Protein backbone atom coordinates (compact mmCIF):
# COMPACT_ATOMS: atom_id res chain seq x y z
CA MET A 1 75.17 167.81 164.74
CA SER A 2 71.86 165.98 164.65
CA MET A 3 68.60 167.38 163.79
CA ASP A 4 65.28 165.85 163.46
CA ILE A 5 61.42 166.73 163.28
CA THR A 6 59.08 164.61 165.51
CA PHE A 7 55.25 165.00 164.91
CA LEU A 8 53.22 164.74 168.13
CA GLY A 9 49.91 165.54 166.62
CA THR A 10 48.96 165.31 163.17
CA GLY A 11 44.99 166.06 163.15
CA SER A 12 43.05 169.12 162.71
CA ALA A 13 40.20 170.57 164.96
CA TYR A 14 40.39 168.08 167.79
CA PRO A 15 42.54 165.14 169.25
CA SER A 16 41.23 161.83 168.49
CA PRO A 17 42.29 158.06 169.17
CA THR A 18 44.30 157.95 165.95
CA ARG A 19 45.59 161.47 165.62
CA GLY A 20 46.42 164.02 168.35
CA ALA A 21 46.08 167.92 167.92
CA SER A 22 48.63 170.02 166.18
CA ALA A 23 52.21 169.73 167.46
CA LEU A 24 55.62 169.12 166.41
CA VAL A 25 59.17 169.13 167.83
CA LEU A 26 62.32 170.21 165.93
CA ARG A 27 65.18 168.89 167.80
CA ARG A 28 68.79 170.12 167.46
CA GLU A 29 71.94 169.73 169.58
CA GLY A 30 69.76 168.37 172.19
CA GLU A 31 67.49 171.37 172.52
CA CYS A 32 63.56 170.75 171.66
CA TRP A 33 61.79 173.59 169.83
CA LEU A 34 58.01 173.03 170.03
CA PHE A 35 55.81 174.21 167.16
CA ASP A 36 52.05 174.42 168.14
CA CYS A 37 50.65 172.87 171.18
CA GLY A 38 47.47 171.55 170.83
CA GLU A 39 45.16 169.65 173.49
CA GLY A 40 46.94 166.73 174.69
CA THR A 41 50.44 167.62 173.43
CA GLN A 42 51.94 166.73 176.99
CA THR A 43 50.38 163.32 176.63
CA GLN A 44 51.98 162.87 173.34
CA PHE A 45 55.43 163.86 174.75
CA MET A 46 55.00 161.01 177.33
CA ARG A 47 54.17 158.52 174.33
CA SER A 48 57.21 159.72 172.44
CA HIS A 49 61.05 159.32 172.90
CA LEU A 50 61.15 163.13 173.62
CA ARG A 51 61.52 164.74 177.03
CA ALA A 52 59.35 167.88 177.54
CA GLY A 53 61.76 169.21 179.99
CA LEU A 54 64.29 169.99 177.24
CA ILE A 55 61.97 172.33 175.57
CA THR A 56 63.73 175.84 175.13
CA LYS A 57 61.46 177.61 172.64
CA ILE A 58 57.88 177.42 171.70
CA PHE A 59 56.36 178.56 168.50
CA ILE A 60 52.76 179.11 168.00
CA THR A 61 51.41 179.54 164.32
CA HIS A 62 48.27 181.13 165.14
CA LEU A 63 45.54 181.33 168.05
CA HIS A 64 42.92 178.77 166.99
CA GLY A 65 42.27 176.36 169.90
CA ASP A 66 43.54 173.09 167.99
CA HIS A 67 46.99 174.88 168.31
CA ILE A 68 47.06 176.33 171.52
CA PHE A 69 44.72 174.66 174.16
CA GLY A 70 47.61 172.49 175.21
CA LEU A 71 49.97 175.27 176.25
CA PRO A 72 48.88 176.41 179.67
CA GLY A 73 48.76 172.69 180.84
CA LEU A 74 52.20 171.88 179.29
CA LEU A 75 53.59 174.89 181.26
CA CYS A 76 52.31 174.10 184.31
CA THR A 77 53.53 170.46 184.14
CA LEU A 78 56.99 171.79 183.15
CA SER A 79 56.81 173.88 186.36
CA LEU A 80 56.14 170.73 188.43
CA GLN A 81 59.34 169.30 187.06
CA VAL A 82 61.88 171.97 187.72
CA ASN A 83 63.62 173.43 190.81
CA PRO A 84 62.41 177.04 191.52
CA ASP A 85 64.98 179.20 189.75
CA LEU A 86 63.85 182.45 188.57
CA SER A 87 67.49 183.60 187.58
CA LYS A 88 67.64 180.79 184.84
CA PRO A 89 67.11 181.95 181.19
CA PRO A 90 63.58 182.32 180.21
CA LEU A 91 61.59 179.90 178.09
CA ASP A 92 60.90 181.87 174.84
CA ILE A 93 57.51 181.73 173.26
CA TYR A 94 56.67 183.20 170.00
CA GLY A 95 53.38 183.63 168.49
CA PRO A 96 50.63 186.11 167.42
CA LEU A 97 49.65 189.19 169.16
CA GLY A 98 47.20 188.01 172.03
CA LEU A 99 49.35 185.07 172.82
CA ARG A 100 50.73 186.67 175.96
CA TYR A 101 47.39 187.63 177.50
CA PHE A 102 45.95 184.15 176.68
CA ILE A 103 48.76 182.40 178.69
CA GLN A 104 48.52 185.00 181.44
CA LYS A 105 44.88 184.87 181.95
CA SER A 106 44.64 180.95 181.89
CA LEU A 107 47.30 180.94 184.59
CA GLU A 108 45.86 183.63 186.59
CA LEU A 109 42.30 182.12 186.37
CA SER A 110 43.44 178.74 187.34
CA HIS A 111 45.70 180.10 190.16
CA SER A 112 48.75 178.56 188.56
CA GLN A 113 52.41 179.90 189.19
CA LEU A 114 55.10 178.83 187.09
CA LEU A 115 58.38 178.28 188.96
CA PHE A 116 60.70 179.36 185.95
CA PRO A 117 60.68 182.54 183.85
CA TYR A 118 59.04 182.84 180.36
CA ALA A 119 59.06 185.66 177.78
CA VAL A 120 56.36 185.96 175.00
CA HIS A 121 57.41 187.44 171.92
CA GLU A 122 54.38 188.54 170.05
CA LEU A 123 54.12 189.04 166.28
CA VAL A 124 51.90 191.94 165.07
CA PRO A 125 49.77 190.62 162.13
CA THR A 126 48.36 192.67 159.24
CA PRO A 127 44.72 193.03 158.21
CA ASN A 128 45.23 191.07 154.80
CA GLN A 129 46.04 187.83 156.81
CA CYS A 130 42.41 186.80 157.21
CA PRO A 131 38.93 188.08 155.92
CA ALA A 132 38.24 191.47 157.00
CA GLU A 133 35.39 190.58 159.27
CA GLU A 134 37.54 188.23 161.23
CA PHE A 135 40.49 190.73 161.98
CA LYS A 136 40.82 191.72 165.58
CA ASP A 137 43.05 194.22 166.93
CA PHE A 138 44.50 192.86 169.89
CA SER A 139 46.95 195.73 170.73
CA CYS A 140 44.62 196.65 173.63
CA LEU A 141 45.32 193.35 175.33
CA ASP A 142 49.19 194.16 175.12
CA GLU A 143 48.63 197.24 177.13
CA ALA A 144 46.92 195.04 179.82
CA SER A 145 50.18 192.87 180.03
CA GLN A 146 52.44 195.95 180.93
CA GLY A 147 55.55 194.51 182.62
CA ALA A 148 55.58 191.01 181.12
CA GLN A 149 58.75 189.71 179.70
CA GLY A 150 58.92 189.71 175.80
CA ARG A 151 59.09 191.81 172.70
CA ILE A 152 56.60 193.01 170.24
CA LEU A 153 57.61 192.15 166.82
CA HIS A 154 56.43 194.21 163.73
CA LEU A 155 56.74 193.12 160.16
CA ASP A 156 59.85 194.30 158.67
CA PRO A 157 58.70 196.66 155.68
CA VAL A 158 61.80 195.84 153.74
CA GLU A 159 62.34 192.31 154.37
CA ASN A 160 58.49 191.63 154.56
CA SER A 161 58.99 189.31 157.47
CA TYR A 162 59.83 189.14 161.08
CA LEU A 163 63.28 188.36 162.62
CA LEU A 164 62.64 186.23 165.57
CA LEU A 165 66.16 185.41 166.65
CA GLU A 166 69.65 185.08 165.19
CA ASP A 167 73.08 183.81 166.50
CA GLU A 168 76.21 182.44 165.25
CA GLN A 169 74.84 179.41 164.07
CA LEU A 170 71.27 179.98 162.75
CA VAL A 171 68.47 182.45 162.09
CA VAL A 172 64.71 182.25 162.65
CA LYS A 173 62.26 184.16 160.79
CA ALA A 174 58.27 184.18 160.41
CA PHE A 175 56.18 185.09 157.47
CA ARG A 176 52.52 185.83 157.05
CA LEU A 177 49.88 183.25 155.90
CA PHE A 178 46.19 183.93 154.97
CA HIS A 179 43.75 182.00 157.26
CA ARG A 180 40.56 182.40 158.86
CA ILE A 181 42.57 184.42 161.46
CA PRO A 182 46.16 185.72 161.16
CA SER A 183 48.57 182.63 160.86
CA PHE A 184 52.46 182.47 160.42
CA GLY A 185 54.85 180.21 158.96
CA PHE A 186 58.47 179.87 160.29
CA VAL A 187 61.77 179.17 158.65
CA VAL A 188 64.74 177.73 160.73
CA GLU A 189 67.84 178.15 158.73
CA GLU A 190 71.50 177.14 159.71
CA LYS A 191 74.31 179.64 158.77
CA PRO A 192 76.97 178.07 156.30
CA ARG A 193 79.84 176.33 158.04
CA PRO A 194 83.38 176.80 156.90
CA GLY A 195 84.55 174.47 154.33
CA LYS A 196 87.25 171.99 154.58
CA LEU A 197 90.68 173.17 155.26
CA ASN A 198 93.11 172.45 152.37
CA VAL A 199 95.94 170.93 154.51
CA GLN A 200 98.04 169.91 151.46
CA LYS A 201 98.19 173.78 150.30
CA LEU A 202 99.04 174.92 153.87
CA LYS A 203 101.90 172.35 154.07
CA ASP A 204 103.04 173.59 150.56
CA LEU A 205 103.17 177.17 152.24
CA GLY A 206 105.38 175.74 154.95
CA VAL A 207 102.77 175.77 157.59
CA GLN A 208 102.54 172.62 159.71
CA PRO A 209 99.64 171.31 161.64
CA GLY A 210 98.80 173.28 164.84
CA PRO A 211 96.94 176.25 166.35
CA VAL A 212 97.23 178.35 163.01
CA TYR A 213 94.89 175.64 161.35
CA GLY A 214 92.20 176.26 163.97
CA LYS A 215 92.43 180.09 163.65
CA LEU A 216 91.96 179.74 159.81
CA LYS A 217 89.28 177.37 160.12
CA ASN A 218 87.45 179.79 162.34
CA GLY A 219 87.79 182.58 159.78
CA THR A 220 90.84 184.49 161.18
CA SER A 221 93.72 185.43 158.99
CA VAL A 222 97.31 184.69 160.19
CA VAL A 223 100.63 186.14 159.53
CA LEU A 224 103.58 183.78 159.13
CA GLU A 225 107.08 184.38 160.49
CA ASN A 226 108.31 185.15 157.18
CA GLY A 227 105.67 188.07 156.90
CA VAL A 228 103.18 186.19 154.61
CA THR A 229 99.59 186.68 155.35
CA ILE A 230 97.36 183.80 154.83
CA SER A 231 93.47 184.60 154.53
CA PRO A 232 90.95 181.94 155.44
CA SER A 233 89.50 182.25 151.66
CA ASP A 234 93.02 181.13 150.64
CA VAL A 235 93.02 177.78 152.21
CA LEU A 236 89.35 176.92 152.72
CA GLU A 237 87.08 175.13 150.30
CA ASN A 238 83.61 176.31 149.52
CA ALA A 239 81.49 176.77 152.61
CA ILE A 240 78.93 174.08 153.45
CA PRO A 241 75.45 175.27 153.56
CA GLY A 242 73.31 174.91 156.55
CA ARG A 243 69.93 173.01 156.62
CA LYS A 244 66.72 174.83 156.14
CA ILE A 245 63.35 173.81 157.78
CA CYS A 246 60.08 175.58 156.98
CA ILE A 247 57.07 174.99 159.04
CA LEU A 248 53.65 176.49 157.95
CA GLY A 249 50.60 177.11 160.08
CA ASP A 250 47.15 176.75 158.90
CA CYS A 251 46.50 178.62 155.46
CA SER A 252 45.16 178.72 152.03
CA GLY A 253 48.23 180.60 150.84
CA ALA A 254 50.98 183.04 151.83
CA VAL A 255 50.74 186.69 152.16
CA GLY A 256 53.30 188.72 150.16
CA ASP A 257 56.28 187.51 148.08
CA ALA A 258 58.79 187.07 150.84
CA ALA A 259 57.41 183.77 151.95
CA ALA A 260 58.45 182.02 148.83
CA GLU A 261 62.12 183.38 149.05
CA LEU A 262 62.41 182.45 152.50
CA CYS A 263 61.23 178.81 151.90
CA TYR A 264 63.20 178.63 148.65
CA GLY A 265 65.42 175.58 148.71
CA ALA A 266 64.17 174.23 151.93
CA ASP A 267 65.34 170.80 152.98
CA VAL A 268 62.01 170.02 154.66
CA LEU A 269 58.68 171.81 154.15
CA VAL A 270 55.91 170.88 156.69
CA HIS A 271 52.57 171.92 155.03
CA GLU A 272 49.02 171.49 156.19
CA ALA A 273 46.49 169.43 153.91
CA THR A 274 43.51 169.48 155.89
CA LEU A 275 41.10 168.14 152.95
CA ASP A 276 41.62 166.31 149.82
CA ASP A 277 41.80 167.81 146.35
CA THR A 278 37.97 167.06 145.68
CA GLN A 279 37.24 169.48 148.67
CA GLU A 280 39.45 172.39 147.51
CA GLU A 281 36.50 174.94 147.35
CA LYS A 282 35.45 174.09 150.96
CA ALA A 283 39.28 174.06 152.02
CA ARG A 284 39.69 177.69 150.54
CA GLU A 285 36.54 178.77 152.23
CA ARG A 286 37.86 177.74 155.45
CA GLY A 287 41.37 179.20 154.91
CA HIS A 288 42.81 175.72 154.54
CA SER A 289 44.87 173.70 151.91
CA THR A 290 44.59 170.40 149.93
CA PRO A 291 47.47 168.29 148.75
CA ARG A 292 47.47 169.85 145.46
CA MET A 293 47.92 173.29 146.90
CA ALA A 294 50.73 172.24 149.14
CA ALA A 295 52.57 170.69 146.33
CA ALA A 296 52.07 173.84 144.19
CA TRP A 297 53.74 175.67 147.09
CA ALA A 298 56.40 173.13 147.43
CA GLN A 299 57.18 173.41 143.86
CA ARG A 300 57.35 177.01 143.72
CA CYS A 301 59.90 177.03 146.66
CA LYS A 302 61.92 174.14 145.15
CA ALA A 303 61.41 172.36 148.51
CA ASN A 304 63.54 169.04 148.67
CA LYS A 305 61.03 167.40 150.57
CA LEU A 306 57.33 167.89 151.26
CA VAL A 307 55.57 166.52 154.43
CA LEU A 308 51.82 166.87 154.84
CA THR A 309 50.15 167.22 158.10
CA HIS A 310 47.12 168.70 159.85
CA PHE A 311 44.73 166.25 158.32
CA SER A 312 40.94 166.35 158.94
CA GLN A 313 39.98 163.53 161.33
CA ARG A 314 37.82 162.29 158.55
CA TYR A 315 40.93 160.84 156.85
CA LYS A 316 42.09 157.83 158.91
CA PRO A 317 45.62 156.45 158.96
CA ARG A 318 46.65 153.92 156.44
CA GLY A 319 44.35 151.13 156.20
CA GLU A 320 41.80 152.39 158.40
CA GLY A 321 38.21 153.28 157.52
CA ASP A 322 36.90 154.45 154.15
CA ALA A 323 38.43 157.78 153.82
CA ASP A 324 42.32 156.45 153.53
CA VAL A 325 44.79 159.41 154.04
CA THR A 326 47.00 157.67 151.46
CA GLU A 327 45.07 159.09 148.53
CA MET A 328 46.36 162.60 149.73
CA LYS A 329 49.80 161.40 149.19
CA ARG A 330 49.11 160.51 145.55
CA GLN A 331 47.45 163.66 144.89
CA ALA A 332 50.46 165.70 146.19
CA GLU A 333 52.84 163.62 144.17
CA LEU A 334 51.03 164.18 141.04
CA GLY A 335 51.47 167.89 141.50
CA LEU A 336 55.21 167.26 142.08
CA ASP A 337 55.71 164.94 139.06
CA GLY A 338 56.25 161.90 141.02
CA GLN A 339 58.51 163.56 143.84
CA GLU A 340 57.84 161.49 147.01
CA VAL A 341 55.67 163.17 149.56
CA THR A 342 55.61 162.01 153.24
CA LEU A 343 52.26 162.01 155.11
CA ALA A 344 53.09 162.79 158.84
CA GLU A 345 51.89 160.34 161.36
CA ASP A 346 51.74 160.84 165.21
CA LEU A 347 55.14 159.94 166.73
CA MET A 348 56.83 159.91 163.34
CA THR A 349 60.45 161.25 163.25
CA ILE A 350 62.23 162.47 160.16
CA GLU A 351 66.01 162.83 160.62
CA ILE A 352 67.52 165.64 158.47
CA PRO A 353 71.23 164.98 157.51
CA MET A 354 73.81 167.76 157.47
CA LYS A 355 75.23 168.72 154.13
CA LYS A 356 78.87 167.59 153.65
CA GLU A 357 79.86 170.00 151.07
CA GLU A 358 78.49 172.88 148.39
CA ARG A 359 77.45 170.98 145.37
CA PRO A 360 74.53 171.12 142.83
CA ARG A 361 70.89 170.70 144.63
CA LYS A 362 69.63 167.29 144.37
CA HIS A 363 67.13 165.43 146.58
CA LEU A 364 68.71 164.47 149.95
CA GLU A 365 68.30 160.99 151.61
CA PHE A 366 66.28 161.29 154.72
CA GLY A 367 65.92 158.95 157.50
CA MET A 368 62.58 158.40 158.75
CA LYS A 369 61.23 156.29 161.76
CA SER A 370 58.01 156.03 163.53
C-alpha cells in the first residue's frame, strides 16, 4: 500500500517563478488528498505526475489567500473534466469556519456551476488561535449557507482536537495552531494492521492452511472440530503500526497540549519555516516559524522526519540568489542534533514506506525524488 507526499507549492505569500503558493498532495491507494490550494495550484498539478481528477478530499489549514485563492478555479476545472453525476459521493472539503461561504460566493459571483456534489466541513476555531483584534466570528456566514452539504465541527473538549473522519483503516484529526488568523494542523494516521500469522503454531495445533487462516488474520476467533477455540491473539504476532503524517498550517506555535500528543512519533512532520533564525522576532510577530522553532516542535514530538516548507520568496532554491534556502536546513539540523532535515521544493515527492513489524522506533529510510 503505497503512500507519498508531493509538494506542489512551497512558497509563502504569492506564487513566483521558483516557488508556487502553498499546496501539497498526500497520495494513498490511488486517492489524492490536497492540503491547501494557493493560487496556481492547478497549473502545478499539470506540471506534476499527479492527476487532479483523483482528488477525493481537500483540507484547508486557514483562510489566508495564499492558501485558498486557487480553490475556486481548481473546482471549476475539475467540473469541466467530469460527466455530470450528482449521485456520486461528494468531494469532501475540510477547513475553518467561513470556507463554505467563500466557496459558495466565489462560484455564485462568477456564475460557475459545479457538475459534481461537494460538502464543506467547517472547523469552529477558538479565540485563542490568533491575536484578539484579529479574531472574527463567522458563525453568521454559516447561517447564510443553510441547505449546503457538510458538517460544523466543534472542538472536542476532552480530546482537545477535531475528529474529521475515521474508517477501518485510518483516522484524521485536526488541532489548533496560533497564527494571525485561526490556523489548523492535520494528522493522518493509519490504524495498526494485524501481525503476521504464526503458521507453524497453527500446524502444531492441527490446523491446515485454508479459510480458517483468513478468519484468524481478520480478527475472528474459530472453533475447531475438537471443540478447541483459537483466538487471533493466540496465533498472531504483534500488530504492525500504521504510518502517521502531520501537516501543519502557518503558525508560531500550537494551542493546547493535544497537538504534541497527536503528532508524537510522526513518520513525517511537515512544518512551515517562513523566515530564517535571524528573523525569529519578526516571524513571531507575524505568526510564523523559523527553522529552529520547527526543529523544537519536531524534537518535542519525536518526529521521525522533519520537512520544512512555506519559505519566504526571498529565499531562493539551492544555488540561486544571495538568500540561499540551504542555510535554513543547517539551522534546523542544529536544533535536532544533526538529524537530517528535508527542504521541500516544488514537485518534490517523498515516499513513506510501510512498517513491516513492531520494533523499537528508529529513523526510517525514506525515498525521495523530484
